[in-house]
């Protein structure tokens, strides 16, 4: 879960700000960032959507933020 902190800091947000946005306590987010707790799948999906990255990227399975960059481009253009 190392990428959660990396992504949060790159976005310039505090634990409290992220907590308010995704509905997870700042204590739990801190635990995820320090590998003290693993989020449930639903929470992982929420976090990935929040940062606009794939689950594989969030979990460190790939260095590519998007599995299908064309699909991501279409999604962000419609947002």
PDB file of N, CA and C in Angstrom:
ATOM      1  N   UNK A   1       0.813  -1.185   0.000  1.00  0.00           N
ATOM      2  CA  UNK A   1       0.000   0.000   0.000  1.00  0.00           C
ATOM      3  C   UNK A   1       0.864   1.260   0.000  1.00  0.00           C
ATOM      4  N   UNK A   2       2.127   1.127  -0.321  1.00  0.00           N
ATOM      5  CA  UNK A   2       3.048   2.256  -0.315  1.00  0.00           C
ATOM      6  C   UNK A   2       2.594   3.367  -1.261  1.00  0.00           C
ATOM      7  N   UNK A   3       1.881   3.025  -2.290  1.00  0.00           N
ATOM      8  CA  UNK A   3       1.513   4.032  -3.282  1.00  0.00           C
ATOM      9  C   UNK A   3       0.417   4.965  -2.807  1.00  0.00           C
ATOM     10  N   UNK A   4      -0.327   4.568  -1.813  1.00  0.00           N
ATOM     11  CA  UNK A   4      -1.382   5.449  -1.312  1.00  0.00           C
ATOM     12  C   UNK A   4      -0.772   6.744  -0.796  1.00  0.00           C
ATOM     13  N   UNK A   5       0.244   6.638   0.020  1.00  0.00           N
ATOM     14  CA  UNK A   5       0.889   7.836   0.563  1.00  0.00           C
ATOM     15  C   UNK A   5       1.527   8.651  -0.558  1.00  0.00           C
ATOM     16  N   UNK A   6       2.191   7.961  -1.464  1.00  0.00           N
ATOM     17  CA  UNK A   6       2.831   8.637  -2.599  1.00  0.00           C
ATOM     18  C   UNK A   6       1.805   9.437  -3.398  1.00  0.00           C
ATOM     19  N   UNK A   7       0.683   8.820  -3.708  1.00  0.00           N
ATOM     20  CA  UNK A   7      -0.360   9.488  -4.484  1.00  0.00           C
ATOM     21  C   UNK A   7      -1.010  10.617  -3.698  1.00  0.00           C
ATOM     22  N   UNK A   8      -1.256  10.395  -2.409  1.00  0.00           N
ATOM     23  CA  UNK A   8      -1.873  11.420  -1.576  1.00  0.00           C
ATOM     24  C   UNK A   8      -0.976  12.656  -1.481  1.00  0.00           C
ATOM     25  N   UNK A   9       0.309  12.435  -1.244  1.00  0.00           N
ATOM     26  CA  UNK A   9       1.237  13.562  -1.132  1.00  0.00           C
ATOM     27  C   UNK A   9       1.404  14.280  -2.468  1.00  0.00           C
ATOM     28  N   UNK A  10       1.409  13.528  -3.567  1.00  0.00           N
ATOM     29  CA  UNK A  10       1.519  14.153  -4.888  1.00  0.00           C
ATOM     30  C   UNK A  10       0.311  15.038  -5.171  1.00  0.00           C
ATOM     31  N   UNK A  11      -0.830  14.652  -4.608  1.00  0.00           N
ATOM     32  CA  UNK A  11      -2.050  15.448  -4.771  1.00  0.00           C
ATOM     33  C   UNK A  11      -2.075  16.630  -3.805  1.00  0.00           C
ATOM     34  N   UNK A  12      -1.132  16.624  -2.850  1.00  0.00           N
ATOM     35  CA  UNK A  12      -1.025  17.719  -1.899  1.00  0.00           C
ATOM     36  C   UNK A  12      -2.091  17.697  -0.820  1.00  0.00           C
ATOM     37  N   UNK A  13      -2.536  16.509  -0.447  1.00  0.00           N
ATOM     38  CA  UNK A  13      -3.599  16.391   0.549  1.00  0.00           C
ATOM     39  C   UNK A  13      -3.104  15.776   1.845  1.00  0.00           C
ATOM     40  N   UNK A  14      -3.754  16.145   2.921  1.00  0.00           N
ATOM     41  CA  UNK A  14      -3.472  15.556   4.226  1.00  0.00           C
ATOM     42  C   UNK A  14      -4.315  14.299   4.397  1.00  0.00           C
ATOM     43  N   UNK A  15      -3.996  13.549   5.433  1.00  0.00           N
ATOM     44  CA  UNK A  15      -4.807  12.369   5.751  1.00  0.00           C
ATOM     45  C   UNK A  15      -6.262  12.781   6.013  1.00  0.00           C
ATOM     46  N   UNK A  16      -6.443  13.881   6.731  1.00  0.00           N
ATOM     47  CA  UNK A  16      -7.792  14.348   7.061  1.00  0.00           C
ATOM     48  C   UNK A  16      -8.579  14.716   5.798  1.00  0.00           C
ATOM     49  N   UNK A  17      -7.921  15.380   4.853  1.00  0.00           N
ATOM     50  CA  UNK A  17      -8.610  15.751   3.613  1.00  0.00           C
ATOM     51  C   UNK A  17      -9.024  14.516   2.826  1.00  0.00           C
ATOM     52  N   UNK A  18      -8.111  13.570   2.702  1.00  0.00           N
ATOM     53  CA  UNK A  18      -8.432  12.343   1.973  1.00  0.00           C
ATOM     54  C   UNK A  18      -9.540  11.580   2.688  1.00  0.00           C
ATOM     55  N   UNK A  19      -9.470  11.544   3.994  1.00  0.00           N
ATOM     56  CA  UNK A  19     -10.479  10.868   4.806  1.00  0.00           C
ATOM     57  C   UNK A  19     -11.876  11.433   4.537  1.00  0.00           C
ATOM     58  N   UNK A  20     -11.973  12.740   4.526  1.00  0.00           N
ATOM     59  CA  UNK A  20     -13.260  13.392   4.261  1.00  0.00           C
ATOM     60  C   UNK A  20     -13.785  13.072   2.868  1.00  0.00           C
ATOM     61  N   UNK A  21     -12.887  13.012   1.898  1.00  0.00           N
ATOM     62  CA  UNK A  21     -13.290  12.779   0.509  1.00  0.00           C
ATOM     63  C   UNK A  21     -13.766  11.342   0.254  1.00  0.00           C
ATOM     64  N   UNK A  22     -13.107  10.353   0.869  1.00  0.00           N
ATOM     65  CA  UNK A  22     -13.445   8.960   0.539  1.00  0.00           C
ATOM     66  C   UNK A  22     -14.228   8.237   1.630  1.00  0.00           C
ATOM     67  N   UNK A  23     -14.405   8.880   2.785  1.00  0.00           N
ATOM     68  CA  UNK A  23     -15.217   8.271   3.829  1.00  0.00           C
ATOM     69  C   UNK A  23     -14.539   7.153   4.600  1.00  0.00           C
ATOM     70  N   UNK A  24     -13.213   7.226   4.711  1.00  0.00           N
ATOM     71  CA  UNK A  24     -12.433   6.264   5.487  1.00  0.00           C
ATOM     72  C   UNK A  24     -11.687   7.075   6.541  1.00  0.00           C
ATOM     73  N   UNK A  25     -11.603   6.566   7.762  1.00  0.00           N
ATOM     74  CA  UNK A  25     -10.946   7.348   8.810  1.00  0.00           C
ATOM     75  C   UNK A  25      -9.481   7.604   8.469  1.00  0.00           C
ATOM     76  N   UNK A  26      -8.973   8.730   8.947  1.00  0.00           N
ATOM     77  CA  UNK A  26      -7.569   9.048   8.693  1.00  0.00           C
ATOM     78  C   UNK A  26      -6.651   8.035   9.378  1.00  0.00           C
ATOM     79  N   UNK A  27      -7.086   7.455  10.499  1.00  0.00           N
ATOM     80  CA  UNK A  27      -6.290   6.409  11.146  1.00  0.00           C
ATOM     81  C   UNK A  27      -6.147   5.183  10.247  1.00  0.00           C
ATOM     82  N   UNK A  28      -7.239   4.793   9.586  1.00  0.00           N
ATOM     83  CA  UNK A  28      -7.161   3.642   8.682  1.00  0.00           C
ATOM     84  C   UNK A  28      -6.283   3.938   7.477  1.00  0.00           C
ATOM     85  N   UNK A  29      -6.404   5.138   6.924  1.00  0.00           N
ATOM     86  CA  UNK A  29      -5.561   5.500   5.786  1.00  0.00           C
ATOM     87  C   UNK A  29      -4.093   5.438   6.193  1.00  0.00           C
ATOM     88  N   UNK A  30      -3.774   5.954   7.353  1.00  0.00           N
ATOM     89  CA  UNK A  30      -2.400   5.891   7.857  1.00  0.00           C
ATOM     90  C   UNK A  30      -1.937   4.448   7.989  1.00  0.00           C
ATOM     91  N   UNK A  31      -2.801   3.590   8.480  1.00  0.00           N
ATOM     92  CA  UNK A  31      -2.451   2.170   8.609  1.00  0.00           C
ATOM     93  C   UNK A  31      -2.211   1.533   7.241  1.00  0.00           C
ATOM     94  N   UNK A  32      -3.021   1.917   6.254  1.00  0.00           N
ATOM     95  CA  UNK A  32      -2.806   1.398   4.890  1.00  0.00           C
ATOM     96  C   UNK A  32      -1.454   1.862   4.364  1.00  0.00           C
ATOM     97  N   UNK A  33      -1.148   3.130   4.588  1.00  0.00           N
ATOM     98  CA  UNK A  33       0.105   3.693   4.078  1.00  0.00           C
ATOM     99  C   UNK A  33       1.337   3.057   4.712  1.00  0.00           C
ATOM    100  N   UNK A  34       1.203   2.589   5.936  1.00  0.00           N
ATOM    101  CA  UNK A  34       2.342   1.988   6.636  1.00  0.00           C
ATOM    102  C   UNK A  34       2.283   0.459   6.675  1.00  0.00           C
ATOM    103  N   UNK A  35       1.437  -0.126   5.824  1.00  0.00           N
ATOM    104  CA  UNK A  35       1.295  -1.585   5.730  1.00  0.00           C
ATOM    105  C   UNK A  35       0.962  -2.243   7.065  1.00  0.00           C
ATOM    106  N   UNK A  36       0.182  -1.554   7.886  1.00  0.00           N
ATOM    107  CA  UNK A  36      -0.255  -2.119   9.156  1.00  0.00           C
ATOM    108  C   UNK A  36      -1.647  -2.727   9.043  1.00  0.00           C
ATOM    109  N   UNK A  37      -2.327  -2.412   7.945  1.00  0.00           N
ATOM    110  CA  UNK A  37      -3.672  -2.918   7.705  1.00  0.00           C
ATOM    111  C   UNK A  37      -3.905  -2.940   6.203  1.00  0.00           C
ATOM    112  N   UNK A  38      -4.675  -3.925   5.747  1.00  0.00           N
ATOM    113  CA  UNK A  38      -5.023  -4.019   4.330  1.00  0.00           C
ATOM    114  C   UNK A  38      -6.473  -3.599   4.127  1.00  0.00           C
ATOM    115  N   UNK A  39      -6.703  -2.691   3.193  1.00  0.00           N
ATOM    116  CA  UNK A  39      -8.083  -2.279   2.930  1.00  0.00           C
ATOM    117  C   UNK A  39      -8.875  -3.383   2.245  1.00  0.00           C
ATOM    118  N   UNK A  40     -10.178  -3.358   2.460  1.00  0.00           N
ATOM    119  CA  UNK A  40     -11.081  -4.283   1.768  1.00  0.00           C
ATOM    120  C   UNK A  40     -11.129  -3.892   0.291  1.00  0.00           C
ATOM    121  N   UNK A  41     -11.591  -4.810  -0.541  1.00  0.00           N
ATOM    122  CA  UNK A  41     -11.638  -4.574  -1.984  1.00  0.00           C
ATOM    123  C   UNK A  41     -12.449  -3.323  -2.321  1.00  0.00           C
ATOM    124  N   UNK A  42     -13.586  -3.143  -1.678  1.00  0.00           N
ATOM    125  CA  UNK A  42     -14.422  -1.968  -1.951  1.00  0.00           C
ATOM    126  C   UNK A  42     -13.645  -0.682  -1.649  1.00  0.00           C
ATOM    127  N   UNK A  43     -12.892  -0.679  -0.554  1.00  0.00           N
ATOM    128  CA  UNK A  43     -12.089   0.496  -0.194  1.00  0.00           C
ATOM    129  C   UNK A  43     -10.967   0.708  -1.195  1.00  0.00           C
ATOM    130  N   UNK A  44     -10.329  -0.377  -1.629  1.00  0.00           N
ATOM    131  CA  UNK A  44      -9.276  -0.267  -2.653  1.00  0.00           C
ATOM    132  C   UNK A  44      -9.833   0.367  -3.924  1.00  0.00           C
ATOM    133  N   UNK A  45     -11.011  -0.072  -4.333  1.00  0.00           N
ATOM    134  CA  UNK A  45     -11.632   0.498  -5.537  1.00  0.00           C
ATOM    135  C   UNK A  45     -11.921   1.983  -5.353  1.00  0.00           C
ATOM    136  N   UNK A  46     -12.398   2.357  -4.177  1.00  0.00           N
ATOM    137  CA  UNK A  46     -12.673   3.763  -3.880  1.00  0.00           C
ATOM    138  C   UNK A  46     -11.398   4.589  -3.951  1.00  0.00           C
ATOM    139  N   UNK A  47     -10.315   4.066  -3.377  1.00  0.00           N
ATOM    140  CA  UNK A  47      -9.034   4.775  -3.382  1.00  0.00           C
ATOM    141  C   UNK A  47      -8.495   4.898  -4.807  1.00  0.00           C
ATOM    142  N   UNK A  48      -8.562   3.811  -5.579  1.00  0.00           N
ATOM    143  CA  UNK A  48      -8.084   3.850  -6.967  1.00  0.00           C
ATOM    144  C   UNK A  48      -8.880   4.870  -7.779  1.00  0.00           C
ATOM    145  N   UNK A  49     -10.189   4.869  -7.607  1.00  0.00           N
ATOM    146  CA  UNK A  49     -11.030   5.845  -8.313  1.00  0.00           C
ATOM    147  C   UNK A  49     -10.706   7.271  -7.873  1.00  0.00           C
ATOM    148  N   UNK A  50     -10.478   7.461  -6.601  1.00  0.00           N
ATOM    149  CA  UNK A  50     -10.167   8.776  -6.053  1.00  0.00           C
ATOM    150  C   UNK A  50      -8.912   9.362  -6.701  1.00  0.00           C
ATOM    151  N   UNK A  51      -7.901   8.516  -6.877  1.00  0.00           N
ATOM    152  CA  UNK A  51      -6.656   8.985  -7.479  1.00  0.00           C
ATOM    153  C   UNK A  51      -6.637   8.827  -8.995  1.00  0.00           C
ATOM    154  N   UNK A  52      -7.627   8.161  -9.553  1.00  0.00           N
ATOM    155  CA  UNK A  52      -7.688   7.968 -10.993  1.00  0.00           C
ATOM    156  C   UNK A  52      -6.621   7.028 -11.513  1.00  0.00           C
ATOM    157  N   UNK A  53      -6.365   5.951 -10.750  1.00  0.00           N
ATOM    158  CA  UNK A  53      -5.374   4.962 -11.159  1.00  0.00           C
ATOM    159  C   UNK A  53      -6.006   3.576 -11.162  1.00  0.00           C
ATOM    160  N   UNK A  54      -5.334   2.628 -11.786  1.00  0.00           N
ATOM    161  CA  UNK A  54      -5.828   1.250 -11.794  1.00  0.00           C
ATOM    162  C   UNK A  54      -5.531   0.576 -10.456  1.00  0.00           C
ATOM    163  N   UNK A  55      -6.280  -0.474 -10.161  1.00  0.00           N
ATOM    164  CA  UNK A  55      -5.993  -1.257  -8.962  1.00  0.00           C
ATOM    165  C   UNK A  55      -4.608  -1.874  -9.033  1.00  0.00           C
ATOM    166  N   UNK A  56      -4.212  -2.336 -10.204  1.00  0.00           N
ATOM    167  CA  UNK A  56      -2.877  -2.927 -10.354  1.00  0.00           C
ATOM    168  C   UNK A  56      -1.786  -1.921 -10.001  1.00  0.00           C
ATOM    169  N   UNK A  57      -1.954  -0.688 -10.411  1.00  0.00           N
ATOM    170  CA  UNK A  57      -0.969   0.339 -10.057  1.00  0.00           C
ATOM    171  C   UNK A  57      -0.979   0.589  -8.554  1.00  0.00           C
ATOM    172  N   UNK A  58      -2.162   0.734  -8.002  1.00  0.00           N
ATOM    173  CA  UNK A  58      -2.281   1.001  -6.573  1.00  0.00           C
ATOM    174  C   UNK A  58      -1.640  -0.102  -5.738  1.00  0.00           C
ATOM    175  N   UNK A  59      -1.783  -1.342  -6.185  1.00  0.00           N
ATOM    176  CA  UNK A  59      -1.236  -2.485  -5.456  1.00  0.00           C
ATOM    177  C   UNK A  59       0.229  -2.756  -5.765  1.00  0.00           C
ATOM    178  N   UNK A  60       0.805  -1.997  -6.684  1.00  0.00           N
ATOM    179  CA  UNK A  60       2.215  -2.177  -7.014  1.00  0.00           C
ATOM    180  C   UNK A  60       2.477  -3.321  -7.976  1.00  0.00           C
ATOM    181  N   UNK A  61       1.436  -3.798  -8.655  1.00  0.00           N
ATOM    182  CA  UNK A  61       1.604  -4.902  -9.609  1.00  0.00           C
ATOM    183  C   UNK A  61       2.128  -4.420 -10.951  1.00  0.00           C
ATOM    184  N   UNK A  62       2.028  -3.115 -11.198  1.00  0.00           N
ATOM    185  CA  UNK A  62       2.521  -2.526 -12.441  1.00  0.00           C
ATOM    186  C   UNK A  62       2.941  -1.083 -12.164  1.00  0.00           C
ATOM    187  N   UNK A  63       3.791  -0.571 -13.029  1.00  0.00           N
ATOM    188  CA  UNK A  63       4.173   0.831 -12.938  1.00  0.00           C
ATOM    189  C   UNK A  63       3.341   1.694 -13.882  1.00  0.00           C
ATOM    190  N   UNK A  64       2.477   1.056 -14.654  1.00  0.00           N
ATOM    191  CA  UNK A  64       1.574   1.774 -15.553  1.00  0.00           C
ATOM    192  C   UNK A  64       0.331   2.167 -14.774  1.00  0.00           C
ATOM    193  N   UNK A  65       0.035   3.446 -14.731  1.00  0.00           N
ATOM    194  CA  UNK A  65      -1.136   3.884 -13.975  1.00  0.00           C
ATOM    195  C   UNK A  65      -2.439   3.426 -14.617  1.00  0.00           C
ATOM    196  N   UNK A  66      -2.410   3.212 -15.933  1.00  0.00           N
ATOM    197  CA  UNK A  66      -3.624   2.848 -16.656  1.00  0.00           C
ATOM    198  C   UNK A  66      -3.408   1.558 -17.416  1.00  0.00           C
ATOM    199  N   UNK A  67      -4.339   0.679 -17.339  1.00  0.00           N
ATOM    200  CA  UNK A  67      -4.284  -0.548 -18.127  1.00  0.00           C
ATOM    201  C   UNK A  67      -4.637  -0.213 -19.570  1.00  0.00           C
ATOM    202  N   UNK A  68      -5.661   0.609 -19.752  1.00  0.00           N
ATOM    203  CA  UNK A  68      -6.114   1.001 -21.073  1.00  0.00           C
ATOM    204  C   UNK A  68      -6.139   2.526 -21.123  1.00  0.00           C
ATOM    205  N   UNK A  69      -5.061   3.119 -21.592  1.00  0.00           N
ATOM    206  CA  UNK A  69      -4.931   4.573 -21.590  1.00  0.00           C
ATOM    207  C   UNK A  69      -6.004   5.247 -22.452  1.00  0.00           C
ATOM    208  N   UNK A  70      -6.410   4.593 -23.534  1.00  0.00           N
ATOM    209  CA  UNK A  70      -7.438   5.166 -24.400  1.00  0.00           C
ATOM    210  C   UNK A  70      -8.761   5.259 -23.642  1.00  0.00           C
ATOM    211  N   UNK A  71      -9.108   4.228 -22.907  1.00  0.00           N
ATOM    212  CA  UNK A  71     -10.342   4.243 -22.118  1.00  0.00           C
ATOM    213  C   UNK A  71     -10.260   5.303 -21.032  1.00  0.00           C
ATOM    214  N   UNK A  72      -9.095   5.460 -20.413  1.00  0.00           N
ATOM    215  CA  UNK A  72      -8.928   6.475 -19.371  1.00  0.00           C
ATOM    216  C   UNK A  72      -9.091   7.868 -19.962  1.00  0.00           C
ATOM    217  N   UNK A  73      -8.545   8.103 -21.118  1.00  0.00           N
ATOM    218  CA  UNK A  73      -8.671   9.410 -21.752  1.00  0.00           C
ATOM    219  C   UNK A  73     -10.129   9.752 -22.014  1.00  0.00           C
ATOM    220  N   UNK A  74     -10.890   8.795 -22.481  1.00  0.00           N
ATOM    221  CA  UNK A  74     -12.300   9.012 -22.756  1.00  0.00           C
ATOM    222  C   UNK A  74     -13.053   9.302 -21.458  1.00  0.00           C
ATOM    223  N   UNK A  75     -12.690   8.624 -20.387  1.00  0.00           N
ATOM    224  CA  UNK A  75     -13.347   8.819 -19.098  1.00  0.00           C
ATOM    225  C   UNK A  75     -13.060  10.194 -18.548  1.00  0.00           C
ATOM    226  N   UNK A  76     -11.816  10.635 -18.600  1.00  0.00           N
ATOM    227  CA  UNK A  76     -11.460  11.934 -18.032  1.00  0.00           C
ATOM    228  C   UNK A  76     -11.997  13.087 -18.878  1.00  0.00           C
ATOM    229  N   UNK A  77     -12.154  12.873 -20.158  1.00  0.00           N
ATOM    230  CA  UNK A  77     -12.705  13.925 -21.024  1.00  0.00           C
ATOM    231  C   UNK A  77     -14.179  14.129 -20.730  1.00  0.00           C
ATOM    232  N   UNK A  78     -14.875  13.072 -20.335  1.00  0.00           N
ATOM    233  CA  UNK A  78     -16.313  13.151 -20.059  1.00  0.00           C
ATOM    234  C   UNK A  78     -16.595  13.602 -18.639  1.00  0.00           C
ATOM    235  N   UNK A  79     -15.583  13.694 -17.809  1.00  0.00           N
ATOM    236  CA  UNK A  79     -15.804  14.052 -16.390  1.00  0.00           C
ATOM    237  C   UNK A  79     -16.037  15.519 -16.210  1.00  0.00           C
TER     238      UNK A  79
END
